[in-house]
Every structure is written in structure tokens, then in C-alpha cells.
Amino acid sequence: MARPSLLIIDDDDDLRELLAEVLDGEGYRVRSAPSGAEGLRMLDGVDLVLLDLHMRGMNGAATARAIRATAPIVLVSAHADLAEVASEIGSPYFVGKPFQLDDLLATIEAALASSR
């Protein structure tokens, strides 16, 4: 079985690189993008998107609306009303920053399982 492909879209370079390294170690194929616009160009073949809400340029909510028909989305953000925003964009999957790695991994697995 092919490893699931994840796309991380977050403008925090350090967090994006750390997540990519950790998730690769967990068995995922990982790509990353520093902006919503760049992430949209990288969607081909992606099984799931990890998406921050607060980014320069195209924000996470606009990016999510453009992605949601293509791949499941897990919002990963420090946004105060994260659950409300997740509901508005139609994604039941979200993890607040700062997060525990186990919580993120469980949320990723749940989102992937629901899309199979």
C-alpha cells in the first residue's frame, strides 16, 4: 500500500520543516508550501492537507475553500475560534497550536480514514 501523501501549507518555515521531518518519519510522503497560492499548485496526488489559517497573502480560509473538493483538510492553527472556522469551511478536523504530536497524528489518521 502506498504511503499517504500530505501537503503542509504554513508560512512558518521552522514549523513546516519540523512537521515535514516528523511526518516523513511516521511513514507519510510529505510536501510543503509556504503560502496558500503555492500550495494550490501542489495539490495533485495529495491525500490530505495540513493548513494554517494565518498566512500572508492568501489566508488559510480562502485556501481551504479552494482545496476542500480536492483533499481533506486538517486545520493547524492558533486561531481563537478554530472550531468555528473549521465548521464554516466544512472541515471537522483541526488541531490548535501549540499541539501535542500524538493529537496531530490521531487527527491526520481520522481524516484519512474518513476519506477512504
C-alpha atoms as a PDB file:
ATOM      1  CA  MET A   1       0.000   0.000   0.000  1.00  0.00           C
ATOM      2  CA  ALA A   2       1.342   3.433  -0.925  1.00  0.00           C
ATOM      3  CA  ARG A   3       2.206   5.808   1.859  1.00  0.00           C
ATOM      4  CA  PRO A   4      -0.373   8.604   2.173  1.00  0.00           C
ATOM      5  CA  SER A   5       0.731  11.925   0.713  1.00  0.00           C
ATOM      6  CA  LEU A   6       0.438  15.023   2.895  1.00  0.00           C
ATOM      7  CA  LEU A   7       0.805  18.669   1.916  1.00  0.00           C
ATOM      8  CA  ILE A   8       1.720  21.122   4.675  1.00  0.00           C
ATOM      9  CA  ILE A   9       0.745  24.730   3.932  1.00  0.00           C
ATOM     10  CA  ASP A  10       2.127  27.086   6.557  1.00  0.00           C
ATOM     11  CA  ASP A  11       4.183  30.267   6.324  1.00  0.00           C
ATOM     12  CA  ASP A  12       6.222  29.381   9.431  1.00  0.00           C
ATOM     13  CA  ASP A  13       9.347  27.888   7.847  1.00  0.00           C
ATOM     14  CA  ASP A  14      10.610  26.265  11.041  1.00  0.00           C
ATOM     15  CA  LEU A  15       7.308  24.587  11.886  1.00  0.00           C
ATOM     16  CA  ARG A  16       6.761  23.467   8.304  1.00  0.00           C
ATOM     17  CA  GLU A  17      10.221  21.871   8.139  1.00  0.00           C
ATOM     18  CA  LEU A  18       9.856  20.217  11.553  1.00  0.00           C
ATOM     19  CA  LEU A  19       6.434  18.801  10.673  1.00  0.00           C
ATOM     20  CA  ALA A  20       7.729  17.526   7.330  1.00  0.00           C
ATOM     21  CA  GLU A  21      10.600  15.722   9.038  1.00  0.00           C
ATOM     22  CA  VAL A  22       8.431  14.215  11.771  1.00  0.00           C
ATOM     23  CA  LEU A  23       5.637  13.145   9.425  1.00  0.00           C
ATOM     24  CA  ASP A  24       8.110  11.617   6.980  1.00  0.00           C
ATOM     25  CA  GLY A  25       9.463   9.624   9.912  1.00  0.00           C
ATOM     26  CA  GLU A  26       5.906   8.486  10.670  1.00  0.00           C
ATOM     27  CA  GLY A  27       5.614   6.995   7.177  1.00  0.00           C
ATOM     28  CA  TYR A  28       3.934   9.758   5.194  1.00  0.00           C
ATOM     29  CA  ARG A  29       5.109  11.224   1.897  1.00  0.00           C
ATOM     30  CA  VAL A  30       5.325  14.937   2.656  1.00  0.00           C
ATOM     31  CA  ARG A  31       5.430  18.066   0.529  1.00  0.00           C
ATOM     32  CA  SER A  32       5.211  21.585   1.864  1.00  0.00           C
ATOM     33  CA  ALA A  33       4.370  25.081   0.720  1.00  0.00           C
ATOM     34  CA  PRO A  34       4.934  28.459   2.399  1.00  0.00           C
ATOM     35  CA  SER A  35       1.728  30.032   1.058  1.00  0.00           C
ATOM     36  CA  GLY A  36      -1.809  29.183   0.048  1.00  0.00           C
ATOM     37  CA  ALA A  37      -1.192  30.118  -3.578  1.00  0.00           C
ATOM     38  CA  GLU A  38       1.858  27.852  -3.816  1.00  0.00           C
ATOM     39  CA  GLY A  39       0.014  25.063  -2.017  1.00  0.00           C
ATOM     40  CA  LEU A  40      -2.798  25.174  -4.573  1.00  0.00           C
ATOM     41  CA  ARG A  41      -0.242  24.477  -7.303  1.00  0.00           C
ATOM     42  CA  MET A  42       0.959  21.376  -5.422  1.00  0.00           C
ATOM     43  CA  LEU A  43      -2.345  19.551  -4.831  1.00  0.00           C
ATOM     44  CA  ASP A  44      -2.002  16.871  -7.494  1.00  0.00           C
ATOM     45  CA  GLY A  45      -1.890  13.461  -5.824  1.00  0.00           C
ATOM     46  CA  VAL A  46      -2.278  14.782  -2.262  1.00  0.00           C
ATOM     47  CA  ASP A  47      -4.303  12.659   0.158  1.00  0.00           C
ATOM     48  CA  LEU A  48      -4.566  15.286   2.913  1.00  0.00           C
ATOM     49  CA  VAL A  49      -3.668  18.942   3.534  1.00  0.00           C
ATOM     50  CA  LEU A  50      -2.408  20.371   6.829  1.00  0.00           C
ATOM     51  CA  LEU A  51      -3.299  24.044   6.679  1.00  0.00           C
ATOM     52  CA  ASP A  52      -2.554  27.085   8.826  1.00  0.00           C
ATOM     53  CA  LEU A  53      -5.153  29.874   8.876  1.00  0.00           C
ATOM     54  CA  HIS A  54      -2.926  32.897   9.482  1.00  0.00           C
ATOM     55  CA  MET A  55      -0.687  33.362   6.477  1.00  0.00           C
ATOM     56  CA  ARG A  56       0.458  36.297   4.432  1.00  0.00           C
ATOM     57  CA  GLY A  57      -1.208  36.708   1.048  1.00  0.00           C
ATOM     58  CA  MET A  58      -3.927  34.115   0.501  1.00  0.00           C
ATOM     59  CA  ASN A  59      -5.097  33.258   4.020  1.00  0.00           C
ATOM     60  CA  GLY A  60      -5.988  29.792   5.222  1.00  0.00           C
ATOM     61  CA  ALA A  61      -9.766  30.200   4.952  1.00  0.00           C
ATOM     62  CA  ALA A  62      -9.543  31.242   1.285  1.00  0.00           C
ATOM     63  CA  THR A  63      -7.068  28.433   0.624  1.00  0.00           C
ATOM     64  CA  ALA A  64      -9.374  25.918   2.332  1.00  0.00           C
ATOM     65  CA  ARG A  65     -12.332  26.954   0.200  1.00  0.00           C
ATOM     66  CA  ALA A  66     -10.221  26.366  -2.918  1.00  0.00           C
ATOM     67  CA  ILE A  67      -8.946  22.976  -1.681  1.00  0.00           C
ATOM     68  CA  ARG A  68     -11.902  21.342   0.018  1.00  0.00           C
ATOM     69  CA  ALA A  69     -13.213  19.493  -3.058  1.00  0.00           C
ATOM     70  CA  THR A  70      -9.727  18.114  -3.768  1.00  0.00           C
ATOM     71  CA  ALA A  71      -8.477  16.689  -0.461  1.00  0.00           C
ATOM     72  CA  PRO A  72      -9.461  16.520   3.211  1.00  0.00           C
ATOM     73  CA  ILE A  73      -8.099  19.381   5.301  1.00  0.00           C
ATOM     74  CA  VAL A  74      -6.753  19.408   8.844  1.00  0.00           C
ATOM     75  CA  LEU A  75      -6.544  22.957  10.143  1.00  0.00           C
ATOM     76  CA  VAL A  76      -3.474  23.503  12.330  1.00  0.00           C
ATOM     77  CA  SER A  77      -3.719  26.970  13.820  1.00  0.00           C
ATOM     78  CA  ALA A  78      -3.620  29.151  16.903  1.00  0.00           C
ATOM     79  CA  HIS A  79      -6.807  30.917  15.776  1.00  0.00           C
ATOM     80  CA  ALA A  80      -9.020  31.696  18.774  1.00  0.00           C
ATOM     81  CA  ASP A  81     -12.203  30.388  17.105  1.00  0.00           C
ATOM     82  CA  LEU A  82     -10.636  27.416  15.337  1.00  0.00           C
ATOM     83  CA  ALA A  83     -13.624  25.088  15.779  1.00  0.00           C
ATOM     84  CA  GLU A  84     -15.973  27.720  14.374  1.00  0.00           C
ATOM     85  CA  VAL A  85     -13.744  28.409  11.364  1.00  0.00           C
ATOM     86  CA  ALA A  86     -13.353  24.670  10.735  1.00  0.00           C
ATOM     87  CA  SER A  87     -17.129  24.335  10.739  1.00  0.00           C
ATOM     88  CA  GLU A  88     -17.526  27.293   8.367  1.00  0.00           C
ATOM     89  CA  ILE A  89     -15.149  25.793   5.812  1.00  0.00           C
ATOM     90  CA  GLY A  90     -16.612  22.318   6.192  1.00  0.00           C
ATOM     91  CA  SER A  91     -13.672  20.535   7.818  1.00  0.00           C
ATOM     92  CA  PRO A  92     -14.310  18.645  11.055  1.00  0.00           C
ATOM     93  CA  TYR A  93     -10.576  18.164  11.548  1.00  0.00           C
ATOM     94  CA  PHE A  94      -8.471  20.699  13.405  1.00  0.00           C
ATOM     95  CA  VAL A  95      -5.649  20.914  15.946  1.00  0.00           C
ATOM     96  CA  GLY A  96      -4.847  24.058  17.911  1.00  0.00           C
ATOM     97  CA  LYS A  97      -1.313  25.399  18.179  1.00  0.00           C
ATOM     98  CA  PRO A  98       0.560  24.585  20.263  1.00  0.00           C
ATOM     99  CA  PHE A  99      -0.338  20.925  19.830  1.00  0.00           C
ATOM    100  CA  GLN A 100       0.789  17.539  21.039  1.00  0.00           C
ATOM    101  CA  LEU A 101       2.233  15.368  18.277  1.00  0.00           C
ATOM    102  CA  ASP A 102       0.011  12.439  19.279  1.00  0.00           C
ATOM    103  CA  ASP A 103      -3.091  14.645  18.848  1.00  0.00           C
ATOM    104  CA  LEU A 104      -1.963  15.753  15.396  1.00  0.00           C
ATOM    105  CA  LEU A 105      -1.198  12.194  14.297  1.00  0.00           C
ATOM    106  CA  ALA A 106      -4.571  10.942  15.550  1.00  0.00           C
ATOM    107  CA  THR A 107      -6.370  13.750  13.716  1.00  0.00           C
ATOM    108  CA  ILE A 108      -4.474  13.019  10.491  1.00  0.00           C
ATOM    109  CA  GLU A 109      -5.359   9.334  10.734  1.00  0.00           C
ATOM    110  CA  ALA A 110      -9.038  10.111  11.403  1.00  0.00           C
ATOM    111  CA  ALA A 111      -9.207  12.466   8.409  1.00  0.00           C
ATOM    112  CA  LEU A 112      -7.502   9.938   6.136  1.00  0.00           C
ATOM    113  CA  ALA A 113      -9.766   7.124   7.342  1.00  0.00           C
ATOM    114  CA  SER A 114     -12.892   9.166   6.640  1.00  0.00           C
ATOM    115  CA  SER A 115     -11.763   9.866   3.077  1.00  0.00           C
ATOM    116  CA  ARG A 116     -11.080   6.218   2.157  1.00  0.00           C
END
